[in-house]
Amino acid sequence: MKRREFITLLGGAAVAPLAAGAQQPAMPVIGFLSAYPHDSFALYILEAFHRGLKELGYSEGRNVAIEYRWGADEYDRLPAFAADLVRSGVSVIVASTSPAVPVAKAASSTIPIVFSMGGDPVRDSLVASLSQPGGNLTGVTTLNIELGPKRLELMHELIPTTLLEGRFAIRDAFCGGSVATIARAGENLAHESLEFLAIVPKTRGASIDLTS
């Protein structure tokens, strides 16, 4: 699925009933699936999401409805949430956060899925390629594992003294590979061990070793 098809999908969902008998157009419904709680970080994501919808001409409650499902860091709840969105007949699923993406893909091979994630969707077998994702998925990724060490190197070049001690807060277990890669790069730059603070599902605030 191509990115430009997103607005066509929503518009088609609203116009389709007219062809059946000129009745009142149905409002398209977006299913929003996230592994995170509905907290301040989620509000930051939602602000950007609603801003993007507005740029496409959509406003929640006016010409589009949104069904939210928050995993609250309990990943075992995500499959049931995704299945519920599929049963409700949403027009498209927005899978926000890396853990939500494979769950959404497993839930439907026909409903369009737009994702945002930090991992590599090609490496994780979610899409065929970044330029031609194919199937019913498309989206954006920050490629944290690939770009994390480069970001750290750039920070070290700009402010070398900031790397004397490293404490990184990670949100979920899916970040482990990314943090481990950053940790190795950081230790090579700082020539010392770095400590990482992990915030993982059901184990908030636990310190774990991600450098091995």
Protein backbone atom coordinates (compact mmCIF):
# COMPACT_ATOMS: atom_id res chain seq x y z
CA MET A 1 0.00 0.00 0.00
CA LYS A 2 1.31 3.44 -0.93
CA ARG A 3 1.21 6.36 1.48
CA ARG A 4 -0.90 8.54 -0.82
CA GLU A 5 -3.63 5.89 -0.73
CA PHE A 6 -4.43 6.70 2.91
CA ILE A 7 -6.65 9.68 2.13
CA THR A 8 -8.27 7.75 -0.75
CA LEU A 9 -9.15 4.91 1.60
CA LEU A 10 -10.84 7.19 4.10
CA GLY A 11 -12.64 9.12 1.41
CA GLY A 12 -13.81 5.92 -0.24
CA ALA A 13 -15.23 4.66 3.03
CA ALA A 14 -17.33 7.79 3.32
CA VAL A 15 -18.53 7.89 -0.30
CA ALA A 16 -19.26 4.19 -0.87
CA PRO A 17 -22.77 4.23 0.65
CA LEU A 18 -23.88 6.85 -1.88
CA ALA A 19 -23.44 4.39 -4.71
CA ALA A 20 -25.70 1.94 -2.90
CA GLY A 21 -28.68 4.29 -2.61
CA ALA A 22 -27.82 7.93 -1.91
CA GLN A 23 -28.27 7.55 1.84
CA GLN A 24 -26.35 9.61 4.39
CA PRO A 25 -22.62 8.91 3.93
CA ALA A 26 -21.09 6.77 6.66
CA MET A 27 -18.29 8.30 8.66
CA PRO A 28 -15.00 6.41 8.16
CA VAL A 29 -13.50 4.90 11.31
CA ILE A 30 -9.80 4.71 12.13
CA GLY A 31 -8.63 2.06 14.58
CA PHE A 32 -5.73 3.37 16.67
CA LEU A 33 -3.68 0.60 18.31
CA SER A 34 -0.83 1.41 20.70
CA ALA A 35 1.19 -0.68 23.12
CA TYR A 36 1.67 2.28 25.44
CA PRO A 37 -0.57 3.80 28.12
CA HIS A 38 -2.66 6.86 27.42
CA ASP A 39 -0.20 9.19 29.16
CA SER A 40 1.74 12.37 28.41
CA PHE A 41 3.92 10.62 25.81
CA ALA A 42 0.83 9.26 24.08
CA LEU A 43 -0.68 12.75 24.01
CA TYR A 44 2.43 13.96 22.20
CA ILE A 45 1.97 11.23 19.58
CA LEU A 46 -1.75 11.95 19.30
CA GLU A 47 -1.13 15.64 18.75
CA ALA A 48 1.02 14.85 15.72
CA PHE A 49 -1.50 12.26 14.52
CA HIS A 50 -4.41 14.70 14.65
CA ARG A 51 -2.30 17.38 13.00
CA GLY A 52 -1.61 15.00 10.12
CA LEU A 53 -5.30 14.17 9.79
CA LYS A 54 -6.12 17.86 9.70
CA GLU A 55 -3.66 18.38 6.87
CA LEU A 56 -5.57 15.70 4.95
CA GLY A 57 -8.87 17.44 5.67
CA TYR A 58 -10.08 15.21 8.51
CA SER A 59 -11.23 16.16 12.00
CA GLU A 60 -12.25 13.65 14.65
CA GLY A 61 -15.98 13.75 15.28
CA ARG A 62 -16.69 15.87 12.21
CA ASN A 63 -15.84 13.65 9.26
CA VAL A 64 -13.89 10.78 10.81
CA ALA A 65 -14.27 8.64 13.93
CA ILE A 66 -11.39 7.07 15.84
CA GLU A 67 -11.50 3.95 18.01
CA TYR A 68 -8.58 3.92 20.46
CA ARG A 69 -7.03 0.82 22.03
CA TRP A 70 -4.23 1.36 24.56
CA GLY A 71 -2.13 -1.63 25.62
CA ALA A 72 -0.81 0.17 28.72
CA ASP A 73 2.52 -1.71 28.42
CA GLU A 74 0.73 -5.07 28.63
CA TYR A 75 1.53 -6.58 25.27
CA ASP A 76 -0.60 -9.68 25.77
CA ARG A 77 -3.68 -7.44 25.49
CA LEU A 78 -2.81 -6.26 21.98
CA PRO A 79 -4.08 -9.28 19.96
CA ALA A 80 -7.54 -9.00 21.52
CA PHE A 81 -7.59 -5.25 20.90
CA ALA A 82 -6.54 -5.72 17.26
CA ALA A 83 -9.15 -8.43 16.73
CA ASP A 84 -11.80 -6.14 18.22
CA LEU A 85 -10.90 -3.37 15.78
CA VAL A 86 -11.09 -5.79 12.86
CA ARG A 87 -14.50 -7.07 13.97
CA SER A 88 -15.80 -3.52 14.29
CA GLY A 89 -15.04 -2.93 10.61
CA VAL A 90 -12.61 0.00 10.83
CA SER A 91 -11.51 1.55 7.54
CA VAL A 92 -7.83 1.58 8.45
CA ILE A 93 -5.67 0.63 11.45
CA VAL A 94 -2.96 2.92 12.77
CA ALA A 95 -0.39 0.79 14.60
CA SER A 96 1.61 3.14 16.80
CA THR A 97 4.69 1.67 18.55
CA SER A 98 6.78 -1.30 17.41
CA PRO A 99 4.97 -3.98 19.45
CA ALA A 100 1.62 -3.06 17.89
CA VAL A 101 2.72 -3.46 14.27
CA PRO A 102 3.15 -7.25 13.99
CA VAL A 103 -0.03 -7.73 16.01
CA ALA A 104 -2.00 -5.54 13.61
CA LYS A 105 -0.52 -7.38 10.63
CA ALA A 106 -1.49 -10.74 12.12
CA ALA A 107 -5.03 -9.49 12.75
CA SER A 108 -5.82 -8.60 9.13
CA SER A 109 -4.35 -9.03 5.67
CA THR A 110 -7.00 -6.84 4.03
CA ILE A 111 -7.55 -3.77 6.22
CA PRO A 112 -4.93 -1.10 5.41
CA ILE A 113 -2.42 -0.64 8.24
CA VAL A 114 -0.36 2.52 8.71
CA PHE A 115 2.43 2.08 11.24
CA SER A 116 5.00 4.10 13.13
CA MET A 117 7.85 2.17 14.70
CA GLY A 118 11.49 2.35 15.70
CA GLY A 119 12.65 -0.95 14.26
CA ASP A 120 13.37 -2.10 10.73
CA PRO A 121 10.10 -3.32 9.16
CA VAL A 122 12.00 -5.14 6.41
CA ARG A 123 14.23 -7.02 8.86
CA ASP A 124 11.16 -7.87 10.93
CA SER A 125 9.38 -9.26 7.84
CA LEU A 126 6.56 -6.72 8.07
CA VAL A 127 7.03 -5.25 4.59
CA ALA A 128 8.86 -6.30 1.44
CA SER A 129 10.97 -3.14 1.22
CA LEU A 130 10.98 0.46 2.39
CA SER A 131 10.31 1.84 -1.09
CA GLN A 132 7.72 -0.79 -2.06
CA PRO A 133 6.21 -2.17 1.16
CA GLY A 134 3.55 -4.20 -0.64
CA GLY A 135 0.65 -5.96 1.06
CA ASN A 136 -1.61 -3.91 3.31
CA LEU A 137 1.08 -2.15 5.38
CA THR A 138 2.85 1.15 4.98
CA GLY A 139 4.24 3.67 7.43
CA VAL A 140 7.31 5.29 8.91
CA THR A 141 10.24 4.08 10.96
CA THR A 142 13.01 5.87 12.82
CA LEU A 143 15.41 2.91 12.30
CA ASN A 144 16.72 3.25 15.84
CA ILE A 145 19.05 0.26 15.70
CA GLU A 146 20.72 1.47 12.52
CA LEU A 147 20.82 5.19 13.34
CA GLY A 148 21.21 5.12 17.13
CA PRO A 149 25.01 4.75 17.16
CA LYS A 150 25.37 7.50 14.55
CA ARG A 151 23.27 9.86 16.67
CA LEU A 152 25.43 9.06 19.68
CA GLU A 153 28.63 9.68 17.71
CA LEU A 154 27.29 13.04 16.53
CA MET A 155 26.39 14.02 20.11
CA HIS A 156 29.87 13.02 21.24
CA GLU A 157 31.47 15.15 18.52
CA LEU A 158 29.40 18.18 19.49
CA ILE A 159 29.73 17.80 23.28
CA PRO A 160 32.44 15.21 24.11
CA THR A 161 32.06 15.56 27.91
CA THR A 162 28.43 14.44 27.90
CA LEU A 163 29.39 10.82 27.37
CA LEU A 164 31.27 10.34 30.64
CA GLU A 165 28.16 8.70 32.05
CA GLY A 166 25.31 7.25 30.04
CA ARG A 167 21.84 6.66 31.47
CA PHE A 168 19.19 5.88 28.90
CA ALA A 169 15.52 5.35 29.68
CA ILE A 170 13.88 2.86 27.38
CA ARG A 171 10.15 2.35 27.21
CA ASP A 172 9.76 -1.32 26.38
CA ALA A 173 11.51 -4.59 25.74
CA PHE A 174 11.33 -4.03 21.98
CA CYS A 175 14.00 -1.34 22.44
CA GLY A 176 16.52 -3.85 23.74
CA GLY A 177 18.30 -4.41 20.45
CA SER A 178 18.53 -0.70 19.79
CA VAL A 179 19.88 0.12 23.24
CA ALA A 180 22.41 -2.72 23.12
CA THR A 181 23.77 -1.33 19.84
CA ILE A 182 23.94 2.20 21.26
CA ALA A 183 25.60 0.90 24.42
CA ARG A 184 28.40 -0.75 22.48
CA ALA A 185 28.96 2.38 20.41
CA GLY A 186 28.93 4.53 23.55
CA GLU A 187 31.44 2.36 25.37
CA ASN A 188 33.79 2.54 22.40
CA LEU A 189 33.58 6.33 22.50
CA ALA A 190 33.72 6.80 26.26
CA HIS A 191 36.05 3.87 26.99
CA GLU A 192 33.95 2.87 29.98
CA SER A 193 30.81 0.97 30.86
CA LEU A 194 27.52 2.78 30.47
CA GLU A 195 24.47 2.19 32.65
CA PHE A 196 21.00 1.93 31.19
CA LEU A 197 17.75 2.39 33.04
CA ALA A 198 14.97 0.28 31.57
CA ILE A 199 11.26 0.84 31.90
CA VAL A 200 9.72 -2.39 30.71
CA PRO A 201 6.18 -3.76 30.87
CA LYS A 202 5.16 -4.73 34.41
CA THR A 203 8.73 -4.01 35.62
CA ARG A 204 8.94 -0.24 35.60
CA GLY A 205 12.16 1.27 36.81
CA ALA A 206 14.21 -1.94 36.79
CA SER A 207 17.87 -1.69 35.89
CA ILE A 208 18.86 -4.35 33.37
CA ASP A 209 22.03 -5.14 31.46
CA LEU A 210 21.59 -4.37 27.78
CA THR A 211 25.25 -4.05 26.89
CA SER A 212 26.06 -7.70 26.29
